[in-house]
Amino acid sequence: MTNRLLLYYLLTANLLTFVTYGIDKHKARHNRWRVREASLLLLAALGGSIGALMAMHLFHHKTQHKKFRYGVPAILIIQLAITAFCYYRYTSMV
């Protein structure tokens, strides 16, 4: 059950992040109020890094900003390392 909840959380986080990046890009094109960069990065850090990367490439959004160009992939690598560590630690205890 815990694995399923984690999966649902990650799917929701990535979908929310993807949509938020898309909304921000739309607002940027129309000179409207924008989502703060810190909020976009926080969404990636809270589990939406794959959604952030997908949105960055699909919408060509924030790809020139070093914070995003290097920061979002770094967040993903850290998340994958933590996941691998937890997985191997958990499976070795069983």
N, C-alpha and C. Protein backbone atom coordinates (compact mmCIF):
# COMPACT_ATOMS: atom_id res chain seq x y z
N MET A 1 0.82 -1.20 0.00
CA MET A 1 0.00 0.00 0.00
C MET A 1 0.87 1.26 0.00
N THR A 2 1.95 1.25 0.75
CA THR A 2 2.83 2.42 0.82
C THR A 2 3.42 2.74 -0.54
N ASN A 3 3.82 1.71 -1.29
CA ASN A 3 4.39 1.93 -2.62
C ASN A 3 3.38 2.59 -3.55
N ARG A 4 2.13 2.17 -3.44
CA ARG A 4 1.08 2.74 -4.28
C ARG A 4 0.85 4.21 -3.93
N LEU A 5 0.86 4.54 -2.65
CA LEU A 5 0.69 5.93 -2.24
C LEU A 5 1.85 6.79 -2.74
N LEU A 6 3.06 6.27 -2.65
CA LEU A 6 4.22 6.99 -3.15
C LEU A 6 4.10 7.22 -4.65
N LEU A 7 3.67 6.22 -5.37
CA LEU A 7 3.48 6.35 -6.81
C LEU A 7 2.45 7.42 -7.13
N TYR A 8 1.32 7.41 -6.44
CA TYR A 8 0.28 8.42 -6.65
C TYR A 8 0.80 9.82 -6.31
N TYR A 9 1.57 9.91 -5.25
CA TYR A 9 2.15 11.21 -4.87
C TYR A 9 3.07 11.73 -5.98
N LEU A 10 3.96 10.86 -6.46
CA LEU A 10 4.90 11.29 -7.49
C LEU A 10 4.20 11.64 -8.80
N LEU A 11 3.19 10.87 -9.17
CA LEU A 11 2.43 11.20 -10.37
C LEU A 11 1.75 12.56 -10.23
N THR A 12 1.14 12.79 -9.08
CA THR A 12 0.47 14.06 -8.83
C THR A 12 1.46 15.21 -8.80
N ALA A 13 2.59 15.03 -8.12
CA ALA A 13 3.61 16.08 -8.03
C ALA A 13 4.15 16.43 -9.41
N ASN A 14 4.41 15.43 -10.23
CA ASN A 14 4.95 15.69 -11.56
C ASN A 14 3.92 16.32 -12.48
N LEU A 15 2.67 15.90 -12.40
CA LEU A 15 1.62 16.51 -13.20
C LEU A 15 1.42 17.97 -12.80
N LEU A 16 1.36 18.23 -11.50
CA LEU A 16 1.20 19.59 -11.00
C LEU A 16 2.37 20.48 -11.43
N THR A 17 3.57 19.95 -11.34
CA THR A 17 4.76 20.71 -11.74
C THR A 17 4.74 21.00 -13.23
N PHE A 18 4.41 20.00 -14.03
CA PHE A 18 4.34 20.16 -15.48
C PHE A 18 3.33 21.25 -15.85
N VAL A 19 2.15 21.17 -15.27
CA VAL A 19 1.10 22.15 -15.56
C VAL A 19 1.51 23.55 -15.10
N THR A 20 2.13 23.65 -13.94
CA THR A 20 2.56 24.95 -13.42
C THR A 20 3.61 25.59 -14.33
N TYR A 21 4.56 24.81 -14.82
CA TYR A 21 5.55 25.33 -15.75
C TYR A 21 4.86 25.80 -17.04
N GLY A 22 3.88 25.04 -17.50
CA GLY A 22 3.13 25.42 -18.70
C GLY A 22 2.36 26.72 -18.50
N ILE A 23 1.73 26.86 -17.35
CA ILE A 23 1.00 28.10 -17.04
C ILE A 23 1.96 29.28 -16.99
N ASP A 24 3.12 29.07 -16.36
CA ASP A 24 4.10 30.15 -16.28
C ASP A 24 4.58 30.56 -17.66
N LYS A 25 4.79 29.61 -18.54
CA LYS A 25 5.21 29.94 -19.91
C LYS A 25 4.12 30.72 -20.62
N HIS A 26 2.88 30.30 -20.46
CA HIS A 26 1.76 31.01 -21.08
C HIS A 26 1.69 32.46 -20.57
N LYS A 27 1.86 32.62 -19.26
CA LYS A 27 1.83 33.96 -18.68
C LYS A 27 3.01 34.80 -19.17
N ALA A 28 4.15 34.18 -19.36
CA ALA A 28 5.33 34.90 -19.86
C ALA A 28 5.08 35.44 -21.26
N ARG A 29 4.42 34.64 -22.08
CA ARG A 29 4.13 35.07 -23.45
C ARG A 29 3.14 36.23 -23.50
N HIS A 30 2.29 36.33 -22.50
CA HIS A 30 1.24 37.35 -22.49
C HIS A 30 1.50 38.47 -21.48
N ASN A 31 2.75 38.60 -21.04
CA ASN A 31 3.14 39.66 -20.10
C ASN A 31 2.21 39.76 -18.90
N ARG A 32 1.96 38.64 -18.28
CA ARG A 32 1.08 38.60 -17.12
C ARG A 32 1.87 38.20 -15.89
N TRP A 33 1.22 38.22 -14.74
CA TRP A 33 1.83 37.84 -13.47
C TRP A 33 2.43 36.45 -13.61
N ARG A 34 3.61 36.24 -13.04
CA ARG A 34 4.35 35.00 -13.22
C ARG A 34 4.46 34.22 -11.91
N VAL A 35 4.75 32.94 -12.07
CA VAL A 35 5.04 32.08 -10.92
C VAL A 35 6.49 32.34 -10.52
N ARG A 36 6.74 32.49 -9.23
CA ARG A 36 8.11 32.77 -8.78
C ARG A 36 9.03 31.59 -9.10
N GLU A 37 10.26 31.91 -9.46
CA GLU A 37 11.24 30.87 -9.78
C GLU A 37 11.46 29.94 -8.59
N ALA A 38 11.45 30.49 -7.39
CA ALA A 38 11.63 29.67 -6.19
C ALA A 38 10.51 28.64 -6.08
N SER A 39 9.30 29.03 -6.45
CA SER A 39 8.17 28.09 -6.40
C SER A 39 8.33 26.98 -7.43
N LEU A 40 8.80 27.34 -8.61
CA LEU A 40 9.02 26.33 -9.65
C LEU A 40 10.09 25.32 -9.22
N LEU A 41 11.15 25.82 -8.64
CA LEU A 41 12.22 24.93 -8.18
C LEU A 41 11.75 24.08 -6.99
N LEU A 42 10.93 24.67 -6.12
CA LEU A 42 10.41 23.92 -4.98
C LEU A 42 9.53 22.77 -5.45
N LEU A 43 8.70 23.01 -6.45
CA LEU A 43 7.87 21.93 -6.99
C LEU A 43 8.74 20.78 -7.51
N ALA A 44 9.83 21.12 -8.18
CA ALA A 44 10.75 20.09 -8.66
C ALA A 44 11.36 19.33 -7.48
N ALA A 45 11.75 20.06 -6.45
CA ALA A 45 12.40 19.44 -5.29
C ALA A 45 11.43 18.57 -4.49
N LEU A 46 10.15 18.87 -4.54
CA LEU A 46 9.16 18.10 -3.79
C LEU A 46 8.69 16.85 -4.54
N GLY A 47 9.40 16.49 -5.59
CA GLY A 47 9.09 15.26 -6.31
C GLY A 47 8.68 15.45 -7.75
N GLY A 48 8.63 16.69 -8.21
CA GLY A 48 8.19 16.95 -9.57
C GLY A 48 9.30 17.22 -10.56
N SER A 49 10.48 16.69 -10.30
CA SER A 49 11.63 17.01 -11.16
C SER A 49 11.46 16.46 -12.58
N ILE A 50 10.85 15.32 -12.73
CA ILE A 50 10.64 14.76 -14.08
C ILE A 50 9.64 15.62 -14.84
N GLY A 51 8.57 16.03 -14.17
CA GLY A 51 7.58 16.92 -14.79
C GLY A 51 8.20 18.26 -15.17
N ALA A 52 9.09 18.76 -14.31
CA ALA A 52 9.77 20.02 -14.60
C ALA A 52 10.65 19.89 -15.84
N LEU A 53 11.42 18.82 -15.91
CA LEU A 53 12.28 18.61 -17.08
C LEU A 53 11.46 18.45 -18.36
N MET A 54 10.40 17.70 -18.27
CA MET A 54 9.54 17.51 -19.45
C MET A 54 8.96 18.84 -19.91
N ALA A 55 8.47 19.64 -18.97
CA ALA A 55 7.89 20.94 -19.31
C ALA A 55 8.94 21.89 -19.86
N MET A 56 10.12 21.88 -19.27
CA MET A 56 11.19 22.75 -19.76
C MET A 56 11.49 22.46 -21.23
N HIS A 57 11.52 21.19 -21.57
CA HIS A 57 11.85 20.83 -22.95
C HIS A 57 10.66 21.02 -23.89
N LEU A 58 9.47 20.66 -23.45
CA LEU A 58 8.30 20.79 -24.31
C LEU A 58 7.94 22.25 -24.56
N PHE A 59 7.96 23.07 -23.50
CA PHE A 59 7.56 24.47 -23.63
C PHE A 59 8.74 25.40 -23.90
N HIS A 60 9.97 24.85 -23.93
CA HIS A 60 11.18 25.66 -24.08
C HIS A 60 11.17 26.78 -23.03
N HIS A 61 10.95 26.37 -21.80
CA HIS A 61 10.77 27.33 -20.72
C HIS A 61 11.87 27.17 -19.67
N LYS A 62 12.51 28.27 -19.35
CA LYS A 62 13.56 28.34 -18.33
C LYS A 62 14.81 27.55 -18.73
N THR A 63 14.95 27.22 -19.99
CA THR A 63 16.09 26.42 -20.42
C THR A 63 17.39 27.23 -20.49
N GLN A 64 17.30 28.55 -20.52
CA GLN A 64 18.50 29.38 -20.57
C GLN A 64 18.96 29.84 -19.19
N HIS A 65 18.14 29.60 -18.18
CA HIS A 65 18.50 29.98 -16.82
C HIS A 65 19.33 28.87 -16.20
N LYS A 66 20.53 29.21 -15.75
CA LYS A 66 21.43 28.20 -15.19
C LYS A 66 20.83 27.50 -13.98
N LYS A 67 20.05 28.24 -13.17
CA LYS A 67 19.39 27.64 -12.01
C LYS A 67 18.54 26.44 -12.41
N PHE A 68 17.88 26.57 -13.54
CA PHE A 68 16.99 25.53 -14.01
C PHE A 68 17.71 24.52 -14.89
N ARG A 69 18.56 25.02 -15.76
CA ARG A 69 19.28 24.15 -16.69
C ARG A 69 20.12 23.10 -15.96
N TYR A 70 20.75 23.51 -14.86
CA TYR A 70 21.57 22.59 -14.09
C TYR A 70 20.91 22.16 -12.78
N GLY A 71 20.08 23.03 -12.23
CA GLY A 71 19.46 22.75 -10.95
C GLY A 71 18.43 21.63 -10.99
N VAL A 72 17.54 21.66 -11.98
CA VAL A 72 16.50 20.63 -12.05
C VAL A 72 17.10 19.24 -12.31
N PRO A 73 18.03 19.09 -13.26
CA PRO A 73 18.66 17.77 -13.40
C PRO A 73 19.41 17.33 -12.14
N ALA A 74 20.03 18.28 -11.44
CA ALA A 74 20.72 17.94 -10.18
C ALA A 74 19.72 17.45 -9.14
N ILE A 75 18.57 18.10 -9.07
CA ILE A 75 17.52 17.66 -8.14
C ILE A 75 17.09 16.25 -8.48
N LEU A 76 16.90 15.97 -9.76
CA LEU A 76 16.49 14.62 -10.18
C LEU A 76 17.54 13.59 -9.81
N ILE A 77 18.80 13.90 -10.03
CA ILE A 77 19.88 12.95 -9.69
C ILE A 77 19.90 12.69 -8.18
N ILE A 78 19.74 13.73 -7.40
CA ILE A 78 19.70 13.56 -5.94
C ILE A 78 18.50 12.70 -5.54
N GLN A 79 17.35 12.95 -6.13
CA GLN A 79 16.15 12.17 -5.82
C GLN A 79 16.34 10.70 -6.20
N LEU A 80 16.96 10.45 -7.35
CA LEU A 80 17.21 9.07 -7.77
C LEU A 80 18.21 8.39 -6.83
N ALA A 81 19.23 9.12 -6.40
CA ALA A 81 20.21 8.55 -5.47
C ALA A 81 19.55 8.20 -4.13
N ILE A 82 18.71 9.09 -3.64
CA ILE A 82 18.00 8.82 -2.38
C ILE A 82 17.07 7.62 -2.53
N THR A 83 16.38 7.55 -3.65
CA THR A 83 15.48 6.43 -3.92
C THR A 83 16.25 5.11 -3.97
N ALA A 84 17.38 5.11 -4.68
CA ALA A 84 18.19 3.89 -4.79
C ALA A 84 18.72 3.48 -3.41
N PHE A 85 19.19 4.45 -2.65
CA PHE A 85 19.69 4.16 -1.30
C PHE A 85 18.60 3.54 -0.44
N CYS A 86 17.43 4.15 -0.44
CA CYS A 86 16.32 3.64 0.38
C CYS A 86 15.88 2.27 -0.10
N TYR A 87 15.82 2.09 -1.41
CA TYR A 87 15.40 0.80 -1.96
C TYR A 87 16.35 -0.31 -1.54
N TYR A 88 17.64 -0.08 -1.75
CA TYR A 88 18.61 -1.12 -1.41
C TYR A 88 18.70 -1.35 0.09
N ARG A 89 18.56 -0.31 0.84
CA ARG A 89 18.58 -0.47 2.31
C ARG A 89 17.36 -1.24 2.78
N TYR A 90 16.20 -0.91 2.23
CA TYR A 90 14.97 -1.56 2.62
C TYR A 90 14.96 -3.02 2.19
N THR A 91 15.39 -3.30 0.96
CA THR A 91 15.35 -4.68 0.47
C THR A 91 16.39 -5.56 1.17
N SER A 92 17.48 -4.97 1.64
CA SER A 92 18.48 -5.78 2.34
C SER A 92 18.03 -6.14 3.74
N MET A 93 17.09 -5.37 4.29
CA MET A 93 16.58 -5.65 5.63
C MET A 93 15.50 -6.73 5.62
N VAL A 94 14.89 -6.96 4.48
CA VAL A 94 13.80 -7.95 4.40
C VAL A 94 14.33 -9.35 4.31
